[in-house]
Amino acid sequence: MNPNDHEVPVYWWSNIAVPETADTRVIAPADQAWHFAYDHRLRRVPVPNYAGTDLTYTARAAASADYFFELDSGDGP
């Protein structure tokens, strides 16, 4: 929520909070995710494959990035 009358930059803290191994995988009922790769752009990308990589395997990423799965509003919790 933005309590201001004007747009402000977004900030968040991401932490996987589990030991990461070569086969660590994050599974979610989503076919899209919001991707932020520190190039100052937030974009929606396909899941699981994006830019030639299965992004659900965290150790396969070529560089640090944040992925926020876009869940169907009917799915949950």
C-alpha atoms as a PDB file:
ATOM      1  CA  MET A   1       0.000   0.000   0.000  1.00  0.00           C
ATOM      2  CA  ASN A   2       1.275   3.441  -0.880  1.00  0.00           C
ATOM      3  CA  PRO A   3       0.083   5.988   1.735  1.00  0.00           C
ATOM      4  CA  ASN A   4       1.351   8.938  -0.351  1.00  0.00           C
ATOM      5  CA  ASP A   5      -0.489  11.071  -2.886  1.00  0.00           C
ATOM      6  CA  HIS A   6       2.293  10.390  -5.405  1.00  0.00           C
ATOM      7  CA  GLU A   7       4.060   7.337  -6.839  1.00  0.00           C
ATOM      8  CA  VAL A   8       7.097   6.099  -4.897  1.00  0.00           C
ATOM      9  CA  PRO A   9       9.712   3.405  -5.679  1.00  0.00           C
ATOM     10  CA  VAL A  10       9.038  -0.154  -4.518  1.00  0.00           C
ATOM     11  CA  TYR A  11      11.368  -1.978  -2.131  1.00  0.00           C
ATOM     12  CA  TRP A  12      11.228  -5.516  -0.762  1.00  0.00           C
ATOM     13  CA  TRP A  13      13.474  -7.975   1.008  1.00  0.00           C
ATOM     14  CA  SER A  14      13.694 -11.490  -0.423  1.00  0.00           C
ATOM     15  CA  ASN A  15      15.038 -14.500   1.412  1.00  0.00           C
ATOM     16  CA  ILE A  16      14.623 -18.129   0.420  1.00  0.00           C
ATOM     17  CA  ALA A  17      15.410 -19.085   4.067  1.00  0.00           C
ATOM     18  CA  VAL A  18      16.363 -22.703   3.310  1.00  0.00           C
ATOM     19  CA  PRO A  19      19.673 -24.393   2.508  1.00  0.00           C
ATOM     20  CA  GLU A  20      20.276 -24.202  -1.247  1.00  0.00           C
ATOM     21  CA  THR A  21      21.601 -27.230  -3.118  1.00  0.00           C
ATOM     22  CA  ALA A  22      21.987 -27.996  -6.806  1.00  0.00           C
ATOM     23  CA  ASP A  23      18.548 -29.648  -6.816  1.00  0.00           C
ATOM     24  CA  THR A  24      16.648 -27.134  -4.638  1.00  0.00           C
ATOM     25  CA  ARG A  25      13.378 -26.332  -6.392  1.00  0.00           C
ATOM     26  CA  VAL A  26      10.526 -23.909  -5.683  1.00  0.00           C
ATOM     27  CA  ILE A  27       7.114 -25.112  -6.862  1.00  0.00           C
ATOM     28  CA  ALA A  28       4.021 -22.914  -7.066  1.00  0.00           C
ATOM     29  CA  PRO A  29       0.692 -23.152  -8.931  1.00  0.00           C
ATOM     30  CA  ALA A  30       1.704 -20.440 -11.404  1.00  0.00           C
ATOM     31  CA  ASP A  31       2.590 -20.103 -15.058  1.00  0.00           C
ATOM     32  CA  GLN A  32       3.914 -16.537 -14.694  1.00  0.00           C
ATOM     33  CA  ALA A  33       6.091 -14.642 -12.239  1.00  0.00           C
ATOM     34  CA  TRP A  34       7.128 -11.052 -11.634  1.00  0.00           C
ATOM     35  CA  HIS A  35      10.874 -10.834 -12.285  1.00  0.00           C
ATOM     36  CA  PHE A  36      13.288  -8.205 -10.995  1.00  0.00           C
ATOM     37  CA  ALA A  37      16.939  -8.544 -12.047  1.00  0.00           C
ATOM     38  CA  TYR A  38      18.447  -5.321 -10.693  1.00  0.00           C
ATOM     39  CA  ASP A  39      18.219  -3.547 -14.047  1.00  0.00           C
ATOM     40  CA  HIS A  40      15.494  -1.297 -12.581  1.00  0.00           C
ATOM     41  CA  ARG A  41      12.735  -3.124 -14.458  1.00  0.00           C
ATOM     42  CA  LEU A  42       9.927  -5.252 -13.098  1.00  0.00           C
ATOM     43  CA  ARG A  43       8.500  -7.569 -15.744  1.00  0.00           C
ATOM     44  CA  ARG A  44       6.179 -10.554 -15.971  1.00  0.00           C
ATOM     45  CA  VAL A  45       7.899 -13.728 -17.246  1.00  0.00           C
ATOM     46  CA  PRO A  46       6.763 -17.302 -18.005  1.00  0.00           C
ATOM     47  CA  VAL A  47       7.191 -20.097 -15.430  1.00  0.00           C
ATOM     48  CA  PRO A  48       8.986 -22.457 -15.268  1.00  0.00           C
ATOM     49  CA  ASN A  49      11.136 -21.684 -18.322  1.00  0.00           C
ATOM     50  CA  TYR A  50      12.484 -18.181 -18.811  1.00  0.00           C
ATOM     51  CA  ALA A  51      15.511 -17.117 -20.869  1.00  0.00           C
ATOM     52  CA  GLY A  52      16.477 -20.753 -21.471  1.00  0.00           C
ATOM     53  CA  THR A  53      16.507 -21.725 -17.783  1.00  0.00           C
ATOM     54  CA  ASP A  54      14.040 -23.539 -15.526  1.00  0.00           C
ATOM     55  CA  LEU A  55      13.805 -20.804 -12.896  1.00  0.00           C
ATOM     56  CA  THR A  56      12.158 -23.136 -10.377  1.00  0.00           C
ATOM     57  CA  TYR A  57      15.646 -24.574  -9.694  1.00  0.00           C
ATOM     58  CA  THR A  58      17.228 -21.740  -7.715  1.00  0.00           C
ATOM     59  CA  ALA A  59      20.878 -22.746  -8.233  1.00  0.00           C
ATOM     60  CA  ARG A  60      20.567 -22.684 -12.036  1.00  0.00           C
ATOM     61  CA  ALA A  61      20.239 -18.901 -12.222  1.00  0.00           C
ATOM     62  CA  ALA A  62      23.049 -17.121 -14.043  1.00  0.00           C
ATOM     63  CA  ALA A  63      22.707 -14.050 -11.797  1.00  0.00           C
ATOM     64  CA  SER A  64      20.810 -12.850  -8.746  1.00  0.00           C
ATOM     65  CA  ALA A  65      17.154 -12.021  -9.327  1.00  0.00           C
ATOM     66  CA  ASP A  66      13.820 -11.997  -7.554  1.00  0.00           C
ATOM     67  CA  TYR A  67      10.819 -13.952  -8.809  1.00  0.00           C
ATOM     68  CA  PHE A  68       7.348 -13.456  -7.359  1.00  0.00           C
ATOM     69  CA  PHE A  69       4.920 -16.099  -8.617  1.00  0.00           C
ATOM     70  CA  GLU A  70       1.648 -14.749 -10.043  1.00  0.00           C
ATOM     71  CA  LEU A  71      -0.977 -16.991  -8.421  1.00  0.00           C
ATOM     72  CA  ASP A  72      -4.548 -17.321  -9.631  1.00  0.00           C
ATOM     73  CA  SER A  73      -6.770 -15.511  -7.130  1.00  0.00           C
ATOM     74  CA  GLY A  74      -8.729 -18.745  -6.660  1.00  0.00           C
ATOM     75  CA  ASP A  75      -5.642 -20.659  -5.527  1.00  0.00           C
ATOM     76  CA  GLY A  76      -4.581 -20.601  -1.924  1.00  0.00           C
ATOM     77  CA  PRO A  77      -3.696 -20.247   0.742  1.00  0.00           C
END
